[in-house]
Amino acid sequence: QHMMPLTMARTGEKVIIRKISGNDDIRRHLATLGFVVDTMILVVSQMAGNLIVEVKGSRVALDKSMARRIFI
């Protein structure tokens, strides 16, 4: 199964984070929001590539540039 960026996920889909790309600061920032490898997230909605996802019980808005760094 190929990895794909989170931007490819469909609304309502539950996905598992496989990889997070980017520099240490970006990865640390995403980790503090709950985005770590092997975590399940739910895509709540998306508009123009920007996403609202639920991770560990919290809803988080991600812009397209951040969502592209999260691979599922």
C-alpha atoms as a PDB file:
ATOM      1  CA  GLN A   1       0.000   0.000   0.000  1.00  0.00           C
ATOM      2  CA  HIS A   2       1.410   3.331  -1.074  1.00  0.00           C
ATOM      3  CA  MET A   3       1.649   6.219   1.316  1.00  0.00           C
ATOM      4  CA  MET A   4      -0.178   9.357   0.311  1.00  0.00           C
ATOM      5  CA  PRO A   5      -0.411  12.825   1.814  1.00  0.00           C
ATOM      6  CA  LEU A   6      -3.282  13.558   4.169  1.00  0.00           C
ATOM      7  CA  THR A   7      -4.632  15.998   1.578  1.00  0.00           C
ATOM      8  CA  MET A   8      -5.772  12.921  -0.411  1.00  0.00           C
ATOM      9  CA  ALA A   9      -7.986  11.561   2.388  1.00  0.00           C
ATOM     10  CA  ARG A  10     -11.748  11.773   2.038  1.00  0.00           C
ATOM     11  CA  THR A  11     -14.093  13.521   4.468  1.00  0.00           C
ATOM     12  CA  GLY A  12     -15.311  11.074   7.090  1.00  0.00           C
ATOM     13  CA  GLU A  13     -12.370   8.747   6.549  1.00  0.00           C
ATOM     14  CA  LYS A  14     -10.336   7.390   9.471  1.00  0.00           C
ATOM     15  CA  VAL A  15      -6.667   7.098   8.590  1.00  0.00           C
ATOM     16  CA  ILE A  16      -3.458   6.189  10.373  1.00  0.00           C
ATOM     17  CA  ILE A  17      -0.405   8.421  10.199  1.00  0.00           C
ATOM     18  CA  ARG A  18       2.477   6.545   8.553  1.00  0.00           C
ATOM     19  CA  LYS A  19       5.098   9.264   8.284  1.00  0.00           C
ATOM     20  CA  ILE A  20       5.609  12.962   8.956  1.00  0.00           C
ATOM     21  CA  SER A  21       7.998  14.911   6.764  1.00  0.00           C
ATOM     22  CA  GLY A  22       9.541  18.333   7.253  1.00  0.00           C
ATOM     23  CA  ASN A  23      12.194  19.812   9.485  1.00  0.00           C
ATOM     24  CA  ASP A  24      12.459  19.196  13.224  1.00  0.00           C
ATOM     25  CA  ASP A  25      10.480  22.326  14.109  1.00  0.00           C
ATOM     26  CA  ILE A  26       7.574  21.329  11.901  1.00  0.00           C
ATOM     27  CA  ARG A  27       7.561  17.750  13.168  1.00  0.00           C
ATOM     28  CA  ARG A  28       7.740  18.942  16.783  1.00  0.00           C
ATOM     29  CA  HIS A  29       4.885  21.388  16.184  1.00  0.00           C
ATOM     30  CA  LEU A  30       2.725  18.651  14.652  1.00  0.00           C
ATOM     31  CA  ALA A  31       3.638  16.265  17.488  1.00  0.00           C
ATOM     32  CA  THR A  32       2.436  18.769  20.093  1.00  0.00           C
ATOM     33  CA  LEU A  33      -0.914  18.812  18.247  1.00  0.00           C
ATOM     34  CA  GLY A  34      -1.070  15.013  18.478  1.00  0.00           C
ATOM     35  CA  PHE A  35       0.164  14.147  14.995  1.00  0.00           C
ATOM     36  CA  VAL A  36       2.578  11.283  15.551  1.00  0.00           C
ATOM     37  CA  VAL A  37       3.188   8.110  13.557  1.00  0.00           C
ATOM     38  CA  ASP A  38       0.696   5.274  14.146  1.00  0.00           C
ATOM     39  CA  THR A  39      -1.979   7.657  15.456  1.00  0.00           C
ATOM     40  CA  MET A  40      -5.468   7.339  13.983  1.00  0.00           C
ATOM     41  CA  ILE A  41      -7.107  10.537  12.816  1.00  0.00           C
ATOM     42  CA  LEU A  42     -10.545  11.307  11.454  1.00  0.00           C
ATOM     43  CA  VAL A  43     -10.989  13.749   8.581  1.00  0.00           C
ATOM     44  CA  VAL A  44     -13.900  15.943   9.683  1.00  0.00           C
ATOM     45  CA  SER A  45     -14.025  18.330   6.734  1.00  0.00           C
ATOM     46  CA  GLN A  46     -11.952  19.879   4.010  1.00  0.00           C
ATOM     47  CA  MET A  47     -12.164  23.051   2.013  1.00  0.00           C
ATOM     48  CA  ALA A  48      -9.690  24.020  -0.682  1.00  0.00           C
ATOM     49  CA  GLY A  49      -7.097  21.607   0.670  1.00  0.00           C
ATOM     50  CA  ASN A  50      -7.351  22.888   4.225  1.00  0.00           C
ATOM     51  CA  LEU A  51      -8.521  20.227   6.638  1.00  0.00           C
ATOM     52  CA  ILE A  52     -10.244  19.892   9.963  1.00  0.00           C
ATOM     53  CA  VAL A  53      -9.289  16.613  11.573  1.00  0.00           C
ATOM     54  CA  GLU A  54      -9.963  14.970  14.885  1.00  0.00           C
ATOM     55  CA  VAL A  55      -6.875  13.631  16.618  1.00  0.00           C
ATOM     56  CA  LYS A  56      -6.865  12.154  20.120  1.00  0.00           C
ATOM     57  CA  GLY A  57     -10.294  13.656  20.832  1.00  0.00           C
ATOM     58  CA  SER A  58      -9.458  17.195  19.704  1.00  0.00           C
ATOM     59  CA  ARG A  59     -10.369  18.958  16.498  1.00  0.00           C
ATOM     60  CA  VAL A  60      -7.458  20.605  14.735  1.00  0.00           C
ATOM     61  CA  ALA A  61      -7.401  22.784  11.620  1.00  0.00           C
ATOM     62  CA  LEU A  62      -4.521  22.144   9.233  1.00  0.00           C
ATOM     63  CA  ASP A  63      -3.625  24.246   6.259  1.00  0.00           C
ATOM     64  CA  LYS A  64      -2.679  22.596   2.993  1.00  0.00           C
ATOM     65  CA  SER A  65       1.077  23.015   3.512  1.00  0.00           C
ATOM     66  CA  MET A  66       0.930  21.194   6.864  1.00  0.00           C
ATOM     67  CA  ALA A  67      -1.471  18.508   5.671  1.00  0.00           C
ATOM     68  CA  ARG A  68       0.911  17.719   2.813  1.00  0.00           C
ATOM     69  CA  ARG A  69       3.614  16.774   5.334  1.00  0.00           C
ATOM     70  CA  ILE A  70       1.486  14.120   6.992  1.00  0.00           C
ATOM     71  CA  PHE A  71       1.489  10.815   5.127  1.00  0.00           C
ATOM     72  CA  ILE A  72      -1.135   8.118   5.529  1.00  0.00           C
END
